[in-house]
Structure formats: structure tokens, C-alpha cells
C-alpha atoms as a PDB file:
ATOM      1  CA  MET A   1      -0.113  -0.046   0.090  1.00  0.00           C
ATOM      2  CA  HIS A   2       1.057   3.599  -0.671  1.00  0.00           C
ATOM      3  CA  LYS A   3       2.375   5.606   2.388  1.00  0.00           C
ATOM      4  CA  VAL A   4       0.017   8.640   2.658  1.00  0.00           C
ATOM      5  CA  ILE A   5       0.204  11.797   4.750  1.00  0.00           C
ATOM      6  CA  ILE A   6      -3.025  13.687   5.648  1.00  0.00           C
ATOM      7  CA  CYS A   7      -2.516  17.228   6.449  1.00  0.00           C
ATOM      8  CA  ILE A   8      -5.285  18.952   8.469  1.00  0.00           C
ATOM      9  CA  ARG A   9      -5.434  22.676   9.017  1.00  0.00           C
ATOM     10  CA  VAL A  10      -7.170  23.729  12.295  1.00  0.00           C
ATOM     11  CA  CYS A  11      -8.082  26.985  14.226  1.00  0.00           C
ATOM     12  CA  ASN A  12     -10.670  26.521  16.925  1.00  0.00           C
ATOM     13  CA  GLU A  13     -12.680  23.638  15.311  1.00  0.00           C
ATOM     14  CA  GLU A  14     -12.645  21.099  18.022  1.00  0.00           C
ATOM     15  CA  ARG A  15     -16.389  20.057  17.090  1.00  0.00           C
ATOM     16  CA  TRP A  16     -15.387  19.308  13.429  1.00  0.00           C
ATOM     17  CA  LEU A  17     -12.138  17.623  14.553  1.00  0.00           C
ATOM     18  CA  ARG A  18     -13.863  15.062  16.777  1.00  0.00           C
ATOM     19  CA  LEU A  19     -16.126  14.090  13.900  1.00  0.00           C
ATOM     20  CA  LEU A  20     -13.297  13.964  11.304  1.00  0.00           C
ATOM     21  CA  TRP A  21     -11.262  11.807  13.528  1.00  0.00           C
ATOM     22  CA  ARG A  22     -14.031   9.347  13.961  1.00  0.00           C
ATOM     23  CA  CYS A  23     -14.458   9.221   9.985  1.00  0.00           C
ATOM     24  CA  LEU A  24     -10.905   8.619   9.401  1.00  0.00           C
ATOM     25  CA  LYS A  25     -10.662   5.833  11.783  1.00  0.00           C
ATOM     26  CA  GLU A  26     -13.431   4.152   9.687  1.00  0.00           C
ATOM     27  CA  GLN A  27     -11.628   4.383   6.184  1.00  0.00           C
ATOM     28  CA  THR A  28     -10.939   1.253   4.413  1.00  0.00           C
ATOM     29  CA  TYR A  29      -7.525   2.676   3.241  1.00  0.00           C
ATOM     30  CA  ARG A  30      -5.379   2.298   6.511  1.00  0.00           C
ATOM     31  CA  ASN A  31      -1.664   3.278   5.802  1.00  0.00           C
ATOM     32  CA  PHE A  32      -1.697   6.849   6.590  1.00  0.00           C
ATOM     33  CA  GLU A  33      -0.234   9.464   9.030  1.00  0.00           C
ATOM     34  CA  VAL A  34      -1.977  12.427  10.025  1.00  0.00           C
ATOM     35  CA  VAL A  35      -0.416  15.799  10.797  1.00  0.00           C
ATOM     36  CA  LEU A  36      -2.450  18.600  12.376  1.00  0.00           C
ATOM     37  CA  VAL A  37      -1.409  22.244  11.550  1.00  0.00           C
ATOM     38  CA  ASN A  38      -2.736  24.355  14.376  1.00  0.00           C
ATOM     39  CA  ASN A  39      -3.157  28.006  13.885  1.00  0.00           C
ATOM     40  CA  ASN A  40      -3.552  29.636  17.491  1.00  0.00           C
ATOM     41  CA  SER A  41      -6.594  27.490  18.529  1.00  0.00           C
ATOM     42  CA  SER A  42      -7.793  28.486  21.994  1.00  0.00           C
ATOM     43  CA  ASP A  43     -10.153  25.555  22.071  1.00  0.00           C
ATOM     44  CA  LEU A  44      -9.399  21.795  22.544  1.00  0.00           C
ATOM     45  CA  SER A  45      -8.333  21.260  18.935  1.00  0.00           C
ATOM     46  CA  ARG A  46      -4.754  20.719  19.815  1.00  0.00           C
ATOM     47  CA  ASP A  47      -5.319  18.605  22.735  1.00  0.00           C
ATOM     48  CA  ILE A  48      -7.751  16.293  20.796  1.00  0.00           C
ATOM     49  CA  ALA A  49      -4.985  15.732  18.148  1.00  0.00           C
ATOM     50  CA  ILE A  50      -2.249  14.999  20.838  1.00  0.00           C
ATOM     51  CA  SER A  51      -4.599  12.547  22.457  1.00  0.00           C
ATOM     52  CA  ALA A  52      -5.015  10.664  19.347  1.00  0.00           C
ATOM     53  CA  HIS A  53      -1.106  10.488  19.107  1.00  0.00           C
ATOM     54  CA  THR A  54      -0.950  12.846  16.109  1.00  0.00           C
ATOM     55  CA  THR A  55       1.928  15.073  14.965  1.00  0.00           C
ATOM     56  CA  VAL A  56       0.862  18.690  15.884  1.00  0.00           C
ATOM     57  CA  VAL A  57       2.913  21.653  14.398  1.00  0.00           C
ATOM     58  CA  ASP A  58       1.975  25.266  15.319  1.00  0.00           C
ATOM     59  CA  LEU A  59       1.646  28.098  12.984  1.00  0.00           C
ATOM     60  CA  GLU A  60       1.360  31.731  14.437  1.00  0.00           C
ATOM     61  CA  GLU A  61       0.433  33.768  11.328  1.00  0.00           C
ATOM     62  CA  TYR A  62      -1.736  31.836   8.913  1.00  0.00           C
ATOM     63  CA  ASN A  63      -0.792  31.355   5.377  1.00  0.00           C
ATOM     64  CA  PRO A  64      -2.563  28.583   3.487  1.00  0.00           C
ATOM     65  CA  SER A  65       0.684  27.502   1.368  1.00  0.00           C
ATOM     66  CA  GLU A  66       2.906  27.717   4.448  1.00  0.00           C
ATOM     67  CA  ALA A  67       0.346  25.631   6.349  1.00  0.00           C
ATOM     68  CA  ILE A  68       0.193  22.819   3.877  1.00  0.00           C
ATOM     69  CA  ASN A  69       3.986  22.813   3.165  1.00  0.00           C
ATOM     70  CA  LEU A  70       4.665  22.662   6.918  1.00  0.00           C
ATOM     71  CA  GLY A  71       2.200  20.109   7.489  1.00  0.00           C
ATOM     72  CA  LEU A  72       3.335  17.625   4.710  1.00  0.00           C
ATOM     73  CA  ARG A  73       7.093  18.291   5.557  1.00  0.00           C
ATOM     74  CA  SER A  74       6.455  17.683   9.158  1.00  0.00           C
ATOM     75  CA  ALA A  75       5.256  14.161   8.866  1.00  0.00           C
ATOM     76  CA  ALA A  76       7.544  11.336  10.048  1.00  0.00           C
ATOM     77  CA  SER A  77       7.034   9.514   6.739  1.00  0.00           C
ATOM     78  CA  TYR A  78       7.684  12.419   4.523  1.00  0.00           C
ATOM     79  CA  GLU A  79      10.851  10.969   2.877  1.00  0.00           C
ATOM     80  CA  SER A  80       9.175   7.775   2.070  1.00  0.00           C
ATOM     81  CA  ALA A  81       5.620   8.888   1.543  1.00  0.00           C
ATOM     82  CA  GLU A  82       4.058   8.560  -2.010  1.00  0.00           C
ATOM     83  CA  ILE A  83       0.935  10.666  -1.642  1.00  0.00           C
ATOM     84  CA  GLY A  84       0.035  13.802   0.377  1.00  0.00           C
ATOM     85  CA  ILE A  85      -3.720  14.496   1.173  1.00  0.00           C
ATOM     86  CA  ILE A  86      -4.762  17.965   2.067  1.00  0.00           C
ATOM     87  CA  LEU A  87      -8.127  18.131   3.844  1.00  0.00           C
ATOM     88  CA  SER A  88      -9.956  21.171   5.634  1.00  0.00           C
ATOM     89  CA  VAL A  89     -11.088  19.876   8.953  1.00  0.00           C
ATOM     90  CA  HIS A  90     -14.746  20.937   8.210  1.00  0.00           C
ATOM     91  CA  CYS A  91     -14.713  18.521   5.259  1.00  0.00           C
ATOM     92  CA  ILE A  92     -16.337  15.293   6.413  1.00  0.00           C
ATOM     93  CA  PRO A  93     -15.806  12.086   4.232  1.00  0.00           C
ATOM     94  CA  VAL A  94     -19.205  10.958   2.742  1.00  0.00           C
ATOM     95  CA  ASP A  95     -18.327   7.334   3.223  1.00  0.00           C
ATOM     96  CA  VAL A  96     -15.650   4.898   4.302  1.00  0.00           C
ATOM     97  CA  ASN A  97     -14.006   4.710   0.767  1.00  0.00           C
ATOM     98  CA  TRP A  98     -13.157   8.544   0.404  1.00  0.00           C
ATOM     99  CA  LEU A  99      -9.319   7.929   1.085  1.00  0.00           C
ATOM    100  CA  GLU A 100      -9.141   4.804  -0.923  1.00  0.00           C
ATOM    101  CA  ASN A 101     -10.750   6.371  -3.956  1.00  0.00           C
ATOM    102  CA  LEU A 102      -8.412   9.381  -3.803  1.00  0.00           C
ATOM    103  CA  VAL A 103      -5.215   7.028  -3.694  1.00  0.00           C
ATOM    104  CA  LYS A 104      -6.532   5.038  -6.518  1.00  0.00           C
ATOM    105  CA  SER A 105      -6.743   7.851  -8.612  1.00  0.00           C
ATOM    106  CA  PHE A 106      -2.862   8.024  -8.906  1.00  0.00           C
ATOM    107  CA  GLU A 107      -2.772   4.251  -9.704  1.00  0.00           C
ATOM    108  CA  ILE A 108      -5.196   4.422 -12.484  1.00  0.00           C
ATOM    109  CA  HIS A 109      -3.987   7.470 -14.007  1.00  0.00           C
ATOM    110  CA  THR A 110      -0.327   7.430 -13.710  1.00  0.00           C
ATOM    111  CA  ASP A 111       0.217  10.684 -15.668  1.00  0.00           C
ATOM    112  CA  ILE A 112      -1.450  12.861 -13.122  1.00  0.00           C
ATOM    113  CA  VAL A 113       0.246  14.915 -10.309  1.00  0.00           C
ATOM    114  CA  GLY A 114      -2.750  16.020  -8.391  1.00  0.00           C
ATOM    115  CA  VAL A 115      -6.448  15.000  -7.728  1.00  0.00           C
ATOM    116  CA  TYR A 116      -9.284  16.683  -6.081  1.00  0.00           C
ATOM    117  CA  GLY A 117     -12.485  15.278  -4.908  1.00  0.00           C
ATOM    118  CA  ARG A 118     -16.187  16.292  -4.817  1.00  0.00           C
ATOM    119  CA  GLN A 119     -17.562  18.510  -2.267  1.00  0.00           C
ATOM    120  CA  ILE A 120     -21.195  17.954  -1.291  1.00  0.00           C
ATOM    121  CA  PRO A 121     -23.210  20.668   0.430  1.00  0.00           C
ATOM    122  CA  MET A 122     -25.044  19.791   3.613  1.00  0.00           C
ATOM    123  CA  LYS A 123     -28.793  20.116   4.010  1.00  0.00           C
ATOM    124  CA  SER A 124     -27.919  23.018   6.513  1.00  0.00           C
ATOM    125  CA  SER A 125     -25.622  24.977   4.035  1.00  0.00           C
ATOM    126  CA  ASN A 126     -26.155  28.367   3.092  1.00  0.00           C
ATOM    127  CA  PHE A 127     -27.826  28.377  -0.204  1.00  0.00           C
ATOM    128  CA  ASP A 128     -25.123  30.488  -1.775  1.00  0.00           C
ATOM    129  CA  ASP A 129     -22.509  27.777  -0.767  1.00  0.00           C
ATOM    130  CA  MET A 130     -24.860  25.108  -1.981  1.00  0.00           C
ATOM    131  CA  ARG A 131     -25.171  26.719  -5.265  1.00  0.00           C
ATOM    132  CA  ASP A 132     -21.443  27.178  -5.666  1.00  0.00           C
ATOM    133  CA  LEU A 133     -20.689  23.605  -4.743  1.00  0.00           C
ATOM    134  CA  LEU A 134     -23.470  22.221  -7.132  1.00  0.00           C
ATOM    135  CA  TYR A 135     -22.057  24.358  -9.900  1.00  0.00           C
ATOM    136  CA  THR A 136     -18.338  23.366  -9.268  1.00  0.00           C
ATOM    137  CA  PHE A 137     -18.409  19.850  -8.285  1.00  0.00           C
ATOM    138  CA  GLY A 138     -20.363  17.400 -10.589  1.00  0.00           C
ATOM    139  CA  ASP A 139     -20.863  13.544 -10.354  1.00  0.00           C
ATOM    140  CA  GLN A 140     -18.557  12.682 -13.233  1.00  0.00           C
ATOM    141  CA  SER A 141     -14.884  12.433 -13.062  1.00  0.00           C
ATOM    142  CA  TYR A 142     -12.404  13.678 -15.436  1.00  0.00           C
ATOM    143  CA  THR A 143      -8.876  14.665 -16.293  1.00  0.00           C
ATOM    144  CA  HIS A 144      -7.917  18.351 -16.542  1.00  0.00           C
ATOM    145  CA  ASP A 145      -5.423  19.102 -19.297  1.00  0.00           C
ATOM    146  CA  LYS A 146      -5.521  22.823 -20.252  1.00  0.00           C
ATOM    147  CA  LYS A 147      -8.561  24.207 -18.336  1.00  0.00           C
ATOM    148  CA  ILE A 148      -7.199  23.770 -14.965  1.00  0.00           C
ATOM    149  CA  PHE A 149      -9.040  23.706 -11.533  1.00  0.00           C
ATOM    150  CA  PHE A 150      -7.741  22.360  -8.158  1.00  0.00           C
ATOM    151  CA  HIS A 151      -9.355  22.966  -4.646  1.00  0.00           C
ATOM    152  CA  ASN A 152      -7.392  22.068  -1.386  1.00  0.00           C
ATOM    153  CA  ALA A 153     -10.351  21.463   0.924  1.00  0.00           C
ATOM    154  CA  ASN A 154     -10.272  17.905  -0.398  1.00  0.00           C
ATOM    155  CA  SER A 155      -7.191  17.157  -2.611  1.00  0.00           C
ATOM    156  CA  ALA A 156      -4.184  15.032  -3.149  1.00  0.00           C
ATOM    157  CA  VAL A 157      -0.631  15.361  -4.443  1.00  0.00           C
ATOM    158  CA  ARG A 158       1.968  13.126  -5.713  1.00  0.00           C
ATOM    159  CA  ILE A 159       4.766  13.639  -3.303  1.00  0.00           C
ATOM    160  CA  ASP A 160       7.739  13.015  -5.558  1.00  0.00           C
ATOM    161  CA  TYR A 161       6.529  15.898  -7.698  1.00  0.00           C
ATOM    162  CA  TYR A 162       5.323  18.079  -4.669  1.00  0.00           C
ATOM    163  CA  ARG A 163       8.869  18.005  -3.204  1.00  0.00           C
ATOM    164  CA  GLU A 164      10.221  19.858  -6.235  1.00  0.00           C
ATOM    165  CA  ASN A 165       7.021  21.874  -6.614  1.00  0.00           C
ATOM    166  CA  PRO A 166       5.667  22.902  -3.169  1.00  0.00           C
ATOM    167  CA  PHE A 167       2.839  25.485  -2.838  1.00  0.00           C
ATOM    168  CA  ASN A 168       3.664  29.098  -3.351  1.00  0.00           C
ATOM    169  CA  GLU A 169       4.122  30.829   0.155  1.00  0.00           C
ATOM    170  CA  GLU A 170       4.329  34.297  -1.487  1.00  0.00           C
ATOM    171  CA  ILE A 171       0.699  34.160  -2.412  1.00  0.00           C
ATOM    172  CA  SER A 172      -2.435  34.566  -0.107  1.00  0.00           C
ATOM    173  CA  HIS A 173      -5.252  31.909  -0.859  1.00  0.00           C
ATOM    174  CA  ILE A 174      -6.066  30.271  -4.308  1.00  0.00           C
ATOM    175  CA  GLU A 175      -2.666  28.404  -3.664  1.00  0.00           C
ATOM    176  CA  ASP A 176      -4.372  25.308  -5.033  1.00  0.00           C
ATOM    177  CA  LEU A 177      -5.073  26.982  -8.485  1.00  0.00           C
ATOM    178  CA  ASP A 178      -1.699  28.509  -8.582  1.00  0.00           C
ATOM    179  CA  TRP A 179      -0.056  25.144  -8.037  1.00  0.00           C
ATOM    180  CA  ALA A 180      -2.308  23.448 -10.658  1.00  0.00           C
ATOM    181  CA  GLN A 181      -1.527  26.108 -13.265  1.00  0.00           C
ATOM    182  CA  ARG A 182       2.242  25.774 -12.595  1.00  0.00           C
ATOM    183  CA  ALA A 183       1.812  21.830 -13.247  1.00  0.00           C
ATOM    184  CA  SER A 184      -0.234  22.545 -16.311  1.00  0.00           C
ATOM    185  CA  ARG A 185       2.682  24.778 -17.620  1.00  0.00           C
ATOM    186  CA  LYS A 186       4.883  21.817 -17.257  1.00  0.00           C
ATOM    187  CA  ASN A 187       2.467  19.562 -19.106  1.00  0.00           C
ATOM    188  CA  LYS A 188       1.245  17.902 -16.043  1.00  0.00           C
ATOM    189  CA  LYS A 189      -2.186  16.721 -15.398  1.00  0.00           C
ATOM    190  CA  ILE A 190      -4.817  17.122 -12.726  1.00  0.00           C
ATOM    191  CA  TYR A 191      -7.656  14.698 -12.019  1.00  0.00           C
ATOM    192  CA  TYR A 192     -11.134  15.409 -10.511  1.00  0.00           C
ATOM    193  CA  ASN A 193     -12.482  12.263  -8.860  1.00  0.00           C
ATOM    194  CA  ALA A 194     -16.186  12.389  -8.145  1.00  0.00           C
ATOM    195  CA  ASP A 195     -16.142   9.226  -6.148  1.00  0.00           C
ATOM    196  CA  ALA A 196     -13.854  10.896  -3.370  1.00  0.00           C
ATOM    197  CA  ALA A 197     -16.524  12.898  -1.866  1.00  0.00           C
ATOM    198  CA  VAL A 198     -16.748  15.020   1.365  1.00  0.00           C
ATOM    199  CA  TRP A 199     -19.440  17.028   2.949  1.00  0.00           C
ATOM    200  CA  HIS A 200     -18.614  20.623   3.055  1.00  0.00           C
ATOM    201  CA  HIS A 201     -20.715  22.986   4.989  1.00  0.00           C
ATOM    202  CA  HIS A 202     -18.936  26.285   4.395  1.00  0.00           C
ATOM    203  CA  GLY A 203     -18.591  25.850   0.572  1.00  0.00           C
ATOM    204  CA  ILE A 204     -15.921  27.327  -1.413  1.00  0.00           C
ATOM    205  CA  HIS A 205     -16.695  31.028  -0.906  1.00  0.00           C
ATOM    206  CA  GLN A 206     -18.065  30.940   2.670  1.00  0.00           C
ATOM    207  CA  HIS A 207     -20.926  33.133   2.362  1.00  0.00           C
ATOM    208  CA  ASN A 208     -22.601  34.618   5.371  1.00  0.00           C
ATOM    209  CA  ASN A 209     -25.787  35.725   3.763  1.00  0.00           C
ATOM    210  CA  LYS A 210     -27.623  34.395   0.650  1.00  0.00           C
ATOM    211  CA  SER A 211     -28.285  36.300  -2.376  1.00  0.00           C
ATOM    212  CA  PHE A 212     -31.875  36.757  -3.628  1.00  0.00           C
ATOM    213  CA  ARG A 213     -31.421  33.962  -6.412  1.00  0.00           C
ATOM    214  CA  SER A 214     -29.351  31.615  -4.637  1.00  0.00           C
ATOM    215  CA  GLU A 215     -32.180  29.335  -3.246  1.00  0.00           C
ATOM    216  CA  THR A 216     -34.122  28.988  -6.642  1.00  0.00           C
ATOM    217  CA  VAL A 217     -30.732  28.584  -8.410  1.00  0.00           C
ATOM    218  CA  SER A 218     -29.858  25.718  -5.982  1.00  0.00           C
ATOM    219  CA  ALA A 219     -33.094  24.131  -6.426  1.00  0.00           C
ATOM    220  CA  THR A 220     -32.881  24.235 -10.306  1.00  0.00           C
ATOM    221  CA  LEU A 221     -29.378  22.732 -10.295  1.00  0.00           C
ATOM    222  CA  LYS A 222     -30.619  19.912  -8.142  1.00  0.00           C
ATOM    223  CA  GLN A 223     -33.334  19.238 -10.473  1.00  0.00           C
ATOM    224  CA  LEU A 224     -31.280  19.640 -13.712  1.00  0.00           C
ATOM    225  CA  SER A 225     -28.566  17.369 -12.366  1.00  0.00           C
ATOM    226  CA  GLY A 226     -30.676  14.864 -10.712  1.00  0.00           C
ATOM    227  CA  PHE A 227     -28.820  15.612  -7.458  1.00  0.00           C
ATOM    228  CA  GLU A 228     -29.723  13.499  -4.362  1.00  0.00           C
ATOM    229  CA  TYR A 229     -28.202  13.432  -1.035  1.00  0.00           C
ATOM    230  CA  PRO A 230     -26.215  10.259  -0.531  1.00  0.00           C
ATOM    231  CA  ASP A 231     -27.258   7.709   1.882  1.00  0.00           C
ATOM    232  CA  GLU A 232     -26.681   8.533   5.399  1.00  0.00           C
ATOM    233  CA  LYS A 233     -25.329   4.971   6.434  1.00  0.00           C
ATOM    234  CA  PHE A 234     -21.898   6.111   7.121  1.00  0.00           C
ATOM    235  CA  LEU A 235     -22.687   9.296   8.970  1.00  0.00           C
ATOM    236  CA  ALA A 236     -26.093  10.604   9.787  1.00  0.00           C
ATOM    237  CA  LEU A 237     -26.554  14.252   8.528  1.00  0.00           C
ATOM    238  CA  SER A 238     -28.540  14.849  11.756  1.00  0.00           C
ATOM    239  CA  ASN A 239     -25.196  14.487  13.647  1.00  0.00           C
ATOM    240  CA  LEU A 240     -23.643  17.079  11.347  1.00  0.00           C
ATOM    241  CA  ASN A 241     -26.585  19.646  11.584  1.00  0.00           C
ATOM    242  CA  SER A 242     -26.455  19.356  15.369  1.00  0.00           C
ATOM    243  CA  ILE A 243     -22.867  20.470  15.348  1.00  0.00           C
ATOM    244  CA  ILE A 244     -23.856  23.332  13.135  1.00  0.00           C
ATOM    245  CA  VAL A 245     -26.652  24.544  15.453  1.00  0.00           C
ATOM    246  CA  VAL A 246     -24.058  24.389  18.372  1.00  0.00           C
ATOM    247  CA  GLU A 247     -21.706  26.510  16.471  1.00  0.00           C
ATOM    248  CA  GLN A 248     -24.308  29.172  15.634  1.00  0.00           C
ATOM    249  CA  GLU A 249     -25.622  29.595  18.937  1.00  0.00           C
END
């Protein structure tokens, strides 16, 4: 089995972290090491990770590229690892096959250097976030050649390529798109795996208020695409929604 590093970035997200830990333990793919990059958490995020015997590295001033680079390089298995997973703490695997599906992408598509997975809105998601996720992440997998997209909320990189091509710490945000575009200019390919899916409450733009069209657009997108929420056998959405309620109080 390939050696895998999972890099998780955290800032005061103990509720999500507890849930994510539970899901990672149930993954069918088991050969992975988790590194938590902690950005000044004042809650129990750091303690939860330490109690789970996870490597924790602290980052005072948050920069997404620096956080990812620091996390991957801090792994005990960095020199021998083959795949690096980048996962936002509030992105919860939809099923037990999430990690296995990401890893398989590199086995099936030997010419890719990166893969990103599907992000599914929760029933409690803001309608703007729901609309964005439905627009961006479809149910069909495909390889990017020239028209490049990449998203580090749920992604993976081939470590031997990444070592020579880390994320650019000179920019703030969209470090994922920058990395993918640089890869494309070197004639490397990116793969989108719709089967490596996570729930994502916040969405890709993290809207606070909905626009007047977002609710109807979301409903139309569901109808046009035939979108239905996956079975809740792995993780009941009611559990996720209870976490959201607590956060919003």
C-alpha cells in the first residue's frame, strides 16, 4: 500500500475535528499518517490531536501555502511517503471509501500529479454555498489538461512531484489554483475524482448571507443534475446539523 500523509489545518474547530477523527478511523485505506497544523487554537483542537497520538505543528500567522508545506514536511514519513492528502477540518468524508478513492486515482491515472475530490453541500448549508458547490463539483470524474482547476479543501498530490514543486508561500489563498496552473505549464495533469466525496458545510466562498437568487438557483441545479443526497449510512446528517446548530448559537 502507498504511504499517505493527511495534512489537516485547524483553528478552533474542535467539534469538526472530533467528527473528522471518527470518520478517518473508519476508512478502508489504513496506511496513513495524520499531521495537524494548528493556527492559534484556543479550544481543545490541539489537545484532541495530541490525545490521538497525532503530530501537531503550530503556525502563528496563517498562510494556506505555508500551512500545507509545513504539515506535509513535518510528517515522520515525509521522505518515504508517496501521496499527500490536504483536507480542511470541516470537510467530512461521505463514506468509508473516500481515502481509498483518492489514492486509487494515482494508480489508475499514472500521468497525473494531483487530484481533488467532490464537495457536497449539507442540508444546512447556506444556499449561496450550496449553489457554488453544485455548480463546481459534478458527479462525473475527468482529467484536466488545459482548463485547470484544483481545490485544497479535499485534494491529494503526488509527493515526488510536490517535493520539487511546493505550494507558493508568496501568495495568499488560491494557492491550489496557482499550483495546478504551474503544473499545467509543465504539461502535467490534474484529475477530478467525483467518487472521493466529502460533506462541506461552508462551501468554497463561505457566504454569510444568501443572495436573492441562490435558493431558486440551488433548487434548479438539483433538478437539472438529478442531485440527491447520498445515503446516510456512514454518517447521519442529523449529527452534522447538530454541530452546526451548536456553532451558530
